[in-house]
Amino acid sequence: MLTRRAIAAMPTLAIFGRAPARAQSPTDLQRAEWLAFRERFMAPEGRIVDTGNRGISHTEGQGWALMSAVRADDRASFDRILSWTVQLLKRPQDELFAWRFRPNASIPVDDPNNASDGDLFIAWALLEAGERWGSRDHVAHGHAIARDMLRLLIRRAGPYTVLLPGVRGFERSDHTVINPSYYAFPAIRALAQVAPDPDWLRVAADGVTILRRGRFGRWGLPPDWLAVRGNDGLLTIPGDWPPRFSYDAVRVPLYLSWMGLGTEPGLVGAAEFWNDPRHRRLPAWTDLTTNSVSPYPASPGIGAVAALATAHRVGGSGATGRAGRLAMPGTGIPAMPDYYSGALSLLSTLAARDSGLI
C-alpha cells in the first residue's frame, strides 16, 4: 500500500497538479446559488428531486448536492441529504449506494446496482465535510466508500485500468462499457489521497488516455458511452445508446476544466463545438456519426459548462466566442429551469473557483 507521500510523488499525478484548499469560505453569491438550488430541488427530508425525469432521485444528485452544501458551509442541509441517502440508498452488502429512487413506485429502490459517479461525489463530499467540520466519522465513511470502489469497480479492459459505471452489467464477453463522464478527476484525486492505492493512479492516468483517444465526429468529442474492446483496447461507441456528445458527456469538459486542463482534447473539442459560428444557437448535443446538432438550444447549465470550457481554452476568464458571451459561473445566480441544468450550474461554479477563474 502506498503512502500519501508516495502517491503525491508519482509522476502520473502531475496531470492533476496540486489540490486547492478546501476549507475556503463560500462567497455570498456561491451561497445564494446553492440556496436557490436547495429551494427548488431539495425535499424537506433531504431528497434531491430530478424535476426533468419524473421526480426520481439518484446518487449523482445526492452527491452533487452534498458537495455543494459542504462548499456553502450549510451543515444542516448536508446532514439531511446524507441521512436520507444512507437510509434509503445504502447497499447492505458494501459501502456503495443503489443508484435510483422512484418515489411513486411500489418498490422505490428496485435496482440495487450502483452508479460510480454518485459514489465518487458522496465520498468526496464526506471527506470535505470531515475537514471543514472536524468530523472523523465523515472522513472514515468517505474512506470506506473509497475502499469499496477500489475493490468492486476498478477492472482491466484491454490495456487500460478502467472505472466501471456500476458493479453489474458493464462487463461484456468481448468489451467493457464505460461512461467517460464518470471520470470525475477532482473526486478521484481526493479519494486517492485518503485511500492510497496504485489503482487510483492507473484509473486516472488511463482515464486521461481514454479521453484523448476516444473522440469522434467533426469536433473530436467524447461520447456519452464508450466501449473498450477486451483484446486490444479499441474504443468504439456502443450500440446500446445514441452516438452522441450529450447530457452525460457534457461533464467531461466540466471535470477537465475543474482540473485546469485547458489543453486536453476533450475540453478543446467541446469549446470549439460550442463556439462554432455555424451554430445559430448553443446546441444541447451533437450526433457523433452525422455531425447533426440538437434542434433545440442548450440549457443554462450546459451554457455554464460551455463558458467555463471556453475560458480555460483561451487561458483565462476573458472568454470569447458564443459560449464566452454566456454568463461565467459564479457571476450571478443562474436560471434553473430543471434539476440537471441547475446542478450543472452549481458544479460549474465550484469548478471555476477551484481552478482560479473566480
Protein backbone atom coordinates (compact mmCIF):
# COMPACT_ATOMS: atom_id res chain seq x y z
CA MET A 1 0.00 0.00 0.00
CA LEU A 2 1.36 3.38 -0.99
CA THR A 3 1.67 6.23 1.47
CA ARG A 4 0.24 9.67 0.78
CA ARG A 5 3.76 10.97 0.24
CA ALA A 6 4.45 8.27 -2.33
CA ILE A 7 1.17 8.99 -4.10
CA ALA A 8 1.97 12.70 -4.28
CA ALA A 9 5.41 12.00 -5.69
CA MET A 10 4.34 9.70 -8.50
CA PRO A 11 4.58 11.35 -11.91
CA THR A 12 1.09 10.43 -13.09
CA LEU A 13 -0.37 12.83 -10.52
CA ALA A 14 1.45 15.65 -12.29
CA ILE A 15 -1.51 15.52 -14.69
CA PHE A 16 -3.69 16.92 -11.95
CA GLY A 17 -1.48 19.45 -10.22
CA ARG A 18 -1.96 20.46 -6.62
CA ALA A 19 -5.37 20.18 -4.96
CA PRO A 20 -6.84 23.58 -3.97
CA ALA A 21 -7.54 24.48 -0.36
CA ARG A 22 -10.95 23.06 0.51
CA ALA A 23 -11.95 24.94 3.63
CA GLN A 24 -12.17 28.36 1.97
CA SER A 25 -15.21 30.39 2.93
CA PRO A 26 -18.01 30.49 0.36
CA THR A 27 -18.71 33.74 -1.41
CA ASP A 28 -22.11 35.35 -0.85
CA LEU A 29 -23.04 34.62 -4.46
CA GLN A 30 -21.93 31.00 -4.21
CA ARG A 31 -24.05 30.53 -1.10
CA ALA A 32 -27.02 32.22 -2.75
CA GLU A 33 -26.69 29.96 -5.78
CA TRP A 34 -26.77 26.87 -3.56
CA LEU A 35 -29.76 28.20 -1.62
CA ALA A 36 -31.65 28.80 -4.87
CA PHE A 37 -30.96 25.21 -5.94
CA ARG A 38 -31.91 23.88 -2.49
CA GLU A 39 -35.18 25.79 -2.51
CA ARG A 40 -36.21 24.39 -5.88
CA PHE A 41 -34.95 20.82 -5.85
CA MET A 42 -34.40 19.57 -2.28
CA ALA A 43 -37.33 17.97 -0.47
CA PRO A 44 -37.58 18.59 3.30
CA GLU A 45 -36.21 15.13 4.10
CA GLY A 46 -33.05 15.72 2.03
CA ARG A 47 -34.03 14.03 -1.22
CA ILE A 48 -32.88 15.83 -4.39
CA VAL A 49 -35.71 15.72 -6.92
CA ASP A 50 -34.92 15.34 -10.61
CA THR A 51 -37.70 17.53 -11.95
CA GLY A 52 -36.87 16.69 -15.56
CA ASN A 53 -37.07 12.93 -15.04
CA ARG A 54 -40.43 12.09 -13.43
CA GLY A 55 -39.34 13.28 -9.99
CA ILE A 56 -36.89 10.46 -9.34
CA SER A 57 -33.74 10.81 -7.27
CA HIS A 58 -30.34 9.31 -7.89
CA THR A 59 -26.95 9.21 -6.31
CA GLU A 60 -25.46 11.72 -8.73
CA GLY A 61 -27.88 14.33 -7.45
CA GLN A 62 -27.38 13.39 -3.82
CA GLY A 63 -23.59 13.52 -4.23
CA TRP A 64 -23.58 16.83 -6.11
CA ALA A 65 -25.87 18.38 -3.51
CA LEU A 66 -23.72 17.08 -0.65
CA MET A 67 -20.65 18.68 -2.22
CA SER A 68 -22.47 21.95 -2.86
CA ALA A 69 -23.76 22.03 0.72
CA VAL A 70 -20.24 21.50 2.09
CA ARG A 71 -18.83 24.27 -0.07
CA ALA A 72 -21.66 26.59 1.03
CA ASP A 73 -20.94 25.68 4.69
CA ASP A 74 -24.55 24.51 5.08
CA ARG A 75 -24.21 21.69 7.59
CA ALA A 76 -27.92 21.36 8.34
CA SER A 77 -28.72 20.64 4.69
CA PHE A 78 -25.71 18.35 4.37
CA ASP A 79 -26.92 16.29 7.33
CA ARG A 80 -30.43 15.93 5.90
CA ILE A 81 -29.17 14.94 2.45
CA LEU A 82 -26.71 12.43 3.89
CA SER A 83 -29.25 10.91 6.29
CA TRP A 84 -31.79 10.33 3.52
CA THR A 85 -29.13 8.93 1.18
CA VAL A 86 -27.80 6.45 3.73
CA GLN A 87 -31.23 5.35 4.95
CA LEU A 88 -32.79 4.86 1.52
CA LEU A 89 -29.96 4.08 -0.91
CA LYS A 90 -27.18 2.38 1.08
CA ARG A 91 -26.49 -1.11 -0.25
CA PRO A 92 -26.44 -3.66 2.61
CA GLN A 93 -23.54 -5.73 1.26
CA ASP A 94 -20.96 -2.93 0.85
CA GLU A 95 -20.41 0.82 1.26
CA LEU A 96 -21.83 1.78 -2.14
CA PHE A 97 -25.31 3.14 -2.93
CA ALA A 98 -28.18 1.98 -5.11
CA TRP A 99 -28.33 4.45 -7.95
CA ARG A 100 -32.06 5.32 -8.21
CA PHE A 101 -35.12 6.08 -6.07
CA ARG A 102 -38.57 6.23 -7.70
CA PRO A 103 -40.98 7.89 -5.25
CA ASN A 104 -44.24 6.59 -6.77
CA ALA A 105 -43.14 3.01 -7.41
CA SER A 106 -44.31 0.09 -5.28
CA ILE A 107 -40.63 -0.67 -4.67
CA PRO A 108 -38.86 2.72 -4.91
CA VAL A 109 -35.37 1.18 -4.90
CA ASP A 110 -35.90 -1.64 -7.39
CA ASP A 111 -32.38 -1.78 -8.85
CA PRO A 112 -29.57 -2.40 -6.34
CA ASN A 113 -26.85 -1.55 -8.85
CA ASN A 114 -24.73 1.49 -8.02
CA ALA A 115 -23.52 4.42 -10.14
CA SER A 116 -19.83 5.16 -9.77
CA ASP A 117 -20.10 8.92 -10.27
CA GLY A 118 -22.60 9.17 -7.44
CA ASP A 119 -20.37 7.13 -5.15
CA LEU A 120 -17.37 9.30 -6.05
CA PHE A 121 -19.13 12.53 -5.16
CA ILE A 122 -20.69 11.18 -1.97
CA ALA A 123 -17.28 10.02 -0.78
CA TRP A 124 -15.59 13.28 -1.78
CA ALA A 125 -18.24 15.34 -0.01
CA LEU A 126 -17.84 13.26 3.15
CA LEU A 127 -14.08 13.84 3.12
CA GLU A 128 -14.52 17.58 2.72
CA ALA A 129 -17.22 17.65 5.39
CA GLY A 130 -14.86 15.90 7.77
CA GLU A 131 -12.20 18.51 7.08
CA ARG A 132 -14.50 21.52 7.29
CA TRP A 133 -16.44 20.48 10.37
CA GLY A 134 -13.86 18.33 12.14
CA SER A 135 -15.83 15.09 11.86
CA ARG A 136 -13.76 11.93 11.98
CA ASP A 137 -16.87 9.87 11.28
CA HIS A 138 -17.38 11.60 7.93
CA VAL A 139 -13.74 11.01 6.98
CA ALA A 140 -14.00 7.34 7.96
CA HIS A 141 -17.20 6.98 5.95
CA GLY A 142 -15.61 8.55 2.86
CA HIS A 143 -12.59 6.30 3.28
CA ALA A 144 -14.81 3.21 3.46
CA ILE A 145 -16.56 4.14 0.21
CA ALA A 146 -13.19 4.68 -1.46
CA ARG A 147 -12.00 1.24 -0.36
CA ASP A 148 -15.08 -0.49 -1.76
CA MET A 149 -14.81 1.42 -5.02
CA LEU A 150 -11.27 0.11 -5.36
CA ARG A 151 -12.44 -3.41 -4.58
CA LEU A 152 -15.56 -3.55 -6.73
CA LEU A 153 -15.33 -1.03 -9.55
CA ILE A 154 -11.80 -1.00 -10.92
CA ARG A 155 -11.08 -3.53 -13.65
CA ARG A 156 -8.76 -4.19 -16.59
CA ALA A 157 -10.18 -3.66 -20.08
CA GLY A 158 -7.67 -4.29 -22.82
CA PRO A 159 -4.55 -2.27 -21.95
CA TYR A 160 -6.47 0.04 -19.62
CA THR A 161 -7.41 0.13 -15.96
CA VAL A 162 -10.98 1.45 -16.03
CA LEU A 163 -13.68 2.63 -13.67
CA LEU A 164 -16.84 0.58 -14.17
CA PRO A 165 -20.04 2.66 -14.28
CA GLY A 166 -21.59 0.17 -11.86
CA VAL A 167 -20.83 -3.16 -10.24
CA ARG A 168 -23.10 -5.11 -12.60
CA GLY A 169 -23.93 -5.02 -16.27
CA PHE A 170 -20.98 -3.35 -17.96
CA GLU A 171 -18.50 -6.19 -18.49
CA ARG A 172 -19.49 -7.97 -21.70
CA SER A 173 -17.97 -11.02 -23.37
CA ASP A 174 -15.65 -9.07 -25.66
CA HIS A 175 -15.74 -5.49 -24.34
CA THR A 176 -16.34 -3.32 -21.31
CA VAL A 177 -18.69 -0.33 -21.38
CA ILE A 178 -17.59 2.81 -19.56
CA ASN A 179 -19.05 6.28 -19.15
CA PRO A 180 -16.44 8.98 -19.83
CA SER A 181 -18.39 11.49 -17.73
CA TYR A 182 -17.95 9.31 -14.63
CA TYR A 183 -14.23 10.19 -14.61
CA ALA A 184 -14.63 13.00 -12.08
CA PHE A 185 -10.91 13.63 -11.73
CA PRO A 186 -11.11 16.05 -8.76
CA ALA A 187 -13.02 13.42 -6.79
CA ILE A 188 -10.61 10.65 -7.84
CA ARG A 189 -7.72 12.80 -6.65
CA ALA A 190 -9.39 13.36 -3.28
CA LEU A 191 -10.07 9.65 -2.76
CA ALA A 192 -6.53 8.73 -3.79
CA GLN A 193 -5.20 10.95 -1.04
CA VAL A 194 -7.14 9.21 1.74
CA ALA A 195 -7.13 5.65 0.36
CA PRO A 196 -3.72 5.49 -1.35
CA ASP A 197 -3.52 2.72 -3.90
CA PRO A 198 -1.75 2.49 -7.27
CA ASP A 199 -5.07 1.58 -8.91
CA TRP A 200 -6.32 5.15 -8.41
CA LEU A 201 -3.31 6.38 -10.32
CA ARG A 202 -3.86 3.84 -13.08
CA VAL A 203 -7.54 4.77 -13.37
CA ALA A 204 -6.70 8.47 -13.52
CA ALA A 205 -3.84 8.17 -16.00
CA ASP A 206 -5.65 5.66 -18.22
CA GLY A 207 -8.81 7.77 -17.97
CA VAL A 208 -6.95 10.74 -19.43
CA THR A 209 -5.56 8.49 -22.19
CA ILE A 210 -9.02 7.12 -22.98
CA LEU A 211 -10.45 10.64 -23.20
CA ARG A 212 -7.68 11.59 -25.61
CA ARG A 213 -8.25 8.57 -27.85
CA GLY A 214 -11.99 8.02 -27.55
CA ARG A 215 -13.19 11.02 -29.55
CA PHE A 216 -15.47 11.10 -32.57
CA GLY A 217 -17.18 13.34 -35.09
CA ARG A 218 -16.28 16.69 -36.64
CA TRP A 219 -15.22 18.27 -33.37
CA GLY A 220 -13.45 15.26 -31.84
CA LEU A 221 -15.80 14.83 -28.89
CA PRO A 222 -16.25 12.08 -26.28
CA PRO A 223 -19.48 10.09 -26.47
CA ASP A 224 -21.93 9.62 -23.62
CA TRP A 225 -20.92 5.94 -23.50
CA LEU A 226 -17.79 4.20 -24.73
CA ALA A 227 -16.90 0.56 -25.40
CA VAL A 228 -13.38 -0.73 -24.67
CA ARG A 229 -12.61 -3.92 -26.60
CA GLY A 230 -11.02 -6.53 -24.40
CA ASN A 231 -8.36 -8.00 -26.66
CA ASP A 232 -6.78 -4.77 -27.92
CA GLY A 233 -8.47 -1.81 -26.21
CA LEU A 234 -10.14 -0.47 -29.37
CA LEU A 235 -12.51 2.36 -28.40
CA THR A 236 -15.91 2.47 -30.11
CA ILE A 237 -19.37 3.85 -29.46
CA PRO A 238 -21.59 1.01 -28.16
CA GLY A 239 -24.85 0.33 -29.93
CA ASP A 240 -26.92 0.41 -26.73
CA TRP A 241 -27.07 4.22 -26.61
CA PRO A 242 -27.41 7.07 -29.15
CA PRO A 243 -23.97 8.02 -30.57
CA ARG A 244 -23.96 11.48 -29.06
CA PHE A 245 -21.94 14.04 -27.19
CA SER A 246 -24.89 14.87 -25.00
CA TYR A 247 -26.17 15.23 -21.45
CA ASP A 248 -23.69 12.78 -19.94
CA ALA A 249 -20.59 13.69 -21.95
CA VAL A 250 -21.04 17.40 -21.27
CA ARG A 251 -19.48 16.67 -17.88
CA VAL A 252 -16.17 15.62 -19.49
CA PRO A 253 -15.13 19.22 -20.27
CA LEU A 254 -16.57 20.25 -16.90
CA TYR A 255 -14.25 17.93 -14.98
CA LEU A 256 -11.27 18.76 -17.20
CA SER A 257 -11.95 22.45 -16.57
CA TRP A 258 -12.19 21.71 -12.85
CA MET A 259 -8.64 20.37 -13.04
CA GLY A 260 -7.46 23.33 -15.11
CA LEU A 261 -6.57 21.04 -18.03
CA GLY A 262 -7.26 23.57 -20.75
CA THR A 263 -5.20 21.83 -23.43
CA GLU A 264 -6.82 18.39 -23.15
CA PRO A 265 -8.60 17.41 -26.40
CA GLY A 266 -11.83 16.60 -24.56
CA LEU A 267 -12.03 20.22 -23.41
CA VAL A 268 -10.61 21.84 -26.55
CA GLY A 269 -13.02 19.97 -28.81
CA ALA A 270 -16.00 20.87 -26.65
CA ALA A 271 -15.05 24.55 -26.60
CA GLU A 272 -14.67 24.53 -30.39
CA PHE A 273 -18.03 22.77 -30.77
CA TRP A 274 -19.88 25.26 -28.60
CA ASN A 275 -18.17 28.24 -30.29
CA ASP A 276 -18.60 27.03 -33.87
CA PRO A 277 -20.04 30.00 -35.82
CA ARG A 278 -22.20 27.64 -37.88
CA HIS A 279 -24.50 27.19 -34.88
CA ARG A 280 -27.41 29.61 -34.79
CA ARG A 281 -27.78 28.92 -31.08
CA LEU A 282 -25.85 26.96 -28.47
CA PRO A 283 -26.67 23.28 -29.18
CA ALA A 284 -27.53 20.81 -26.46
CA TRP A 285 -25.88 17.86 -28.24
CA THR A 286 -24.41 16.56 -31.46
CA ASP A 287 -24.66 13.19 -33.16
CA LEU A 288 -21.10 11.90 -33.49
CA THR A 289 -21.83 9.89 -36.63
CA THR A 290 -23.73 12.53 -38.67
CA ASN A 291 -22.47 15.77 -37.01
CA SER A 292 -26.09 16.96 -36.78
CA VAL A 293 -26.95 19.03 -33.71
CA SER A 294 -29.97 19.27 -31.45
CA PRO A 295 -32.99 21.11 -32.91
CA TYR A 296 -33.38 22.96 -29.62
CA PRO A 297 -30.95 25.10 -27.60
CA ALA A 298 -28.80 24.01 -24.69
CA SER A 299 -29.95 24.65 -21.14
CA PRO A 300 -28.41 27.40 -18.99
CA GLY A 301 -26.46 24.70 -17.14
CA ILE A 302 -24.85 23.47 -20.34
CA GLY A 303 -24.21 27.11 -21.18
CA ALA A 304 -22.32 27.47 -17.90
CA VAL A 305 -20.14 24.47 -18.77
CA ALA A 306 -19.60 25.91 -22.26
CA ALA A 307 -18.48 29.27 -20.85
CA LEU A 308 -16.21 27.53 -18.35
CA ALA A 309 -14.58 25.35 -21.02
CA THR A 310 -14.15 28.33 -23.31
CA ALA A 311 -12.50 30.34 -20.55
CA HIS A 312 -9.99 27.56 -19.94
CA ARG A 313 -9.46 27.06 -23.68
CA VAL A 314 -8.40 30.69 -24.12
CA GLY A 315 -6.32 30.59 -20.95
CA GLY A 316 -8.25 32.89 -18.68
CA SER A 317 -11.58 34.38 -17.69
CA GLY A 318 -11.82 36.64 -20.74
CA ALA A 319 -13.64 34.02 -22.77
CA THR A 320 -14.53 34.89 -26.34
CA GLY A 321 -16.98 33.49 -28.83
CA ARG A 322 -20.58 32.33 -28.50
CA ALA A 323 -20.04 30.41 -25.25
CA GLY A 324 -17.89 33.17 -23.77
CA ARG A 325 -20.77 35.61 -24.11
CA LEU A 326 -22.79 33.50 -21.71
CA ALA A 327 -22.55 34.24 -18.01
CA MET A 328 -19.43 32.80 -16.43
CA PRO A 329 -20.14 30.56 -13.42
CA GLY A 330 -20.09 32.45 -10.15
CA THR A 331 -21.06 35.82 -11.69
CA GLY A 332 -24.77 35.66 -10.91
CA ILE A 333 -27.49 33.30 -9.75
CA PRO A 334 -28.22 31.22 -12.88
CA ALA A 335 -31.59 30.35 -14.28
CA MET A 336 -32.52 26.85 -13.11
CA PRO A 337 -35.29 25.55 -15.37
CA ASP A 338 -34.82 21.99 -14.13
CA TYR A 339 -32.72 19.93 -11.76
CA TYR A 340 -29.97 18.93 -14.18
CA SER A 341 -29.44 22.40 -15.55
CA GLY A 342 -29.27 23.74 -12.01
CA ALA A 343 -26.80 21.04 -10.97
CA LEU A 344 -24.51 21.80 -13.90
CA SER A 345 -24.55 25.47 -12.92
CA LEU A 346 -23.65 24.61 -9.32
CA LEU A 347 -20.81 22.33 -10.39
CA SER A 348 -19.51 24.89 -12.87
CA THR A 349 -19.25 27.48 -10.10
CA LEU A 350 -17.31 25.07 -7.90
CA ALA A 351 -15.04 24.22 -10.83
CA ALA A 352 -14.46 27.88 -11.67
CA ARG A 353 -13.49 28.63 -8.10
CA ASP A 354 -11.19 25.65 -7.67
CA SER A 355 -9.45 26.33 -10.98
CA GLY A 356 -8.90 30.00 -10.17
CA LEU A 357 -11.31 31.63 -12.63
CA ILE A 358 -13.36 33.34 -9.90
